[in-house]
Protein backbone atom coordinates (compact mmCIF):
# COMPACT_ATOMS: atom_id res chain seq x y z
CA MET A 1 35.29 29.08 -69.40
CA ALA A 2 35.13 32.61 -70.21
CA HIS A 3 33.52 33.74 -66.63
CA GLY A 4 35.55 31.14 -64.29
CA ALA A 5 36.05 33.84 -61.97
CA GLU A 6 32.48 34.90 -61.10
CA CYS A 7 31.33 31.13 -61.56
CA LYS A 8 33.43 29.35 -59.29
CA ASN A 9 32.50 31.58 -55.86
CA VAL A 10 29.24 30.28 -56.54
CA GLU A 11 28.09 28.22 -53.43
CA ALA A 12 25.64 25.33 -54.55
CA LYS A 13 24.10 25.19 -51.53
CA TRP A 14 22.51 28.30 -52.42
CA HIS A 15 21.68 27.79 -56.18
CA PRO A 16 19.74 24.78 -57.27
CA GLN A 17 20.83 24.99 -60.51
CA PRO A 18 24.14 23.03 -61.43
CA ILE A 19 27.02 25.42 -61.48
CA GLN A 20 27.93 24.92 -65.14
CA PHE A 21 24.61 26.12 -66.18
CA ARG A 22 24.57 29.00 -64.13
CA CYS A 23 27.69 30.01 -65.55
CA VAL A 24 26.75 29.30 -68.92
CA LYS A 25 23.66 31.62 -68.02
CA LEU A 26 25.63 34.30 -66.16
CA GLY A 27 28.00 34.45 -69.82
CA ARG A 28 24.70 35.03 -71.53
CA GLN A 29 23.47 37.88 -69.60
CA VAL A 30 27.21 39.37 -69.46
CA ASN A 31 26.85 38.93 -73.54
CA GLU A 32 23.85 40.68 -73.79
CA LYS A 33 24.68 43.35 -71.95
CA ARG A 34 27.98 43.97 -74.24
CA LEU A 35 25.70 43.60 -77.24
CA ALA A 36 23.58 46.45 -76.13
CA VAL A 37 25.95 48.80 -75.15
CA LEU A 38 27.54 48.23 -78.89
CA ASP A 39 24.45 48.14 -80.20
CA ALA A 40 23.83 52.25 -78.62
CA ALA A 41 27.14 53.08 -79.69
CA ILE A 42 26.42 52.07 -83.27
CA ALA A 43 22.90 53.59 -83.10
CA LYS A 44 24.71 57.09 -81.70
CA GLY A 45 26.78 57.30 -84.56
CA ILE A 46 25.04 56.25 -87.41
CA PRO A 47 23.26 60.20 -87.28
CA ASP A 48 27.18 61.42 -87.73
CA ALA A 49 27.70 59.03 -90.42
CA ASP A 50 24.77 60.24 -92.13
CA ALA A 51 25.81 63.66 -91.72
CA GLY A 52 28.97 63.20 -93.05
CA ARG A 53 30.56 63.68 -89.81
CA VAL A 54 33.61 61.43 -90.52
CA LYS A 55 37.22 60.87 -91.24
CA SER A 56 38.69 58.45 -93.94
CA GLY A 57 40.66 55.51 -92.31
CA ASP A 58 43.95 56.65 -93.99
CA GLU A 59 43.47 59.84 -92.28
CA VAL A 60 42.79 58.91 -88.62
CA PRO A 61 46.45 57.41 -87.96
CA ASP A 62 48.40 60.32 -89.55
CA ARG A 63 46.30 62.66 -87.29
CA LEU A 64 46.72 60.35 -84.43
CA GLU A 65 50.68 60.29 -84.60
CA ALA A 66 51.31 64.16 -85.06
CA LYS A 67 49.20 64.93 -82.09
CA TYR A 68 51.15 62.85 -80.18
CA ASP A 69 54.70 63.28 -81.76
CA ALA A 70 53.66 67.28 -80.80
CA MET A 71 52.63 66.33 -76.86
CA ALA A 72 56.10 64.26 -76.55
CA GLU A 73 57.89 67.09 -78.02
CA ARG A 74 56.73 69.64 -75.58
CA THR A 75 57.28 67.32 -72.71
CA LYS A 76 60.81 67.58 -73.53
């Protein structure tokens, strides 16, 4: 179970639902929050893409490699 750490500390006397049900419910809540964050990030990026403020997938690794190579040279 992905959320075992959160679930195993739950005491049954405080929660009338079975532990497995509570863990599934907790997992769904976490997934819903993650999806909301992802949806917000995508929504934020769409206007940039529509306006042409994007980089090609081939350009980014080359640019990052050059950036970090230059940083490494400065620290020598």
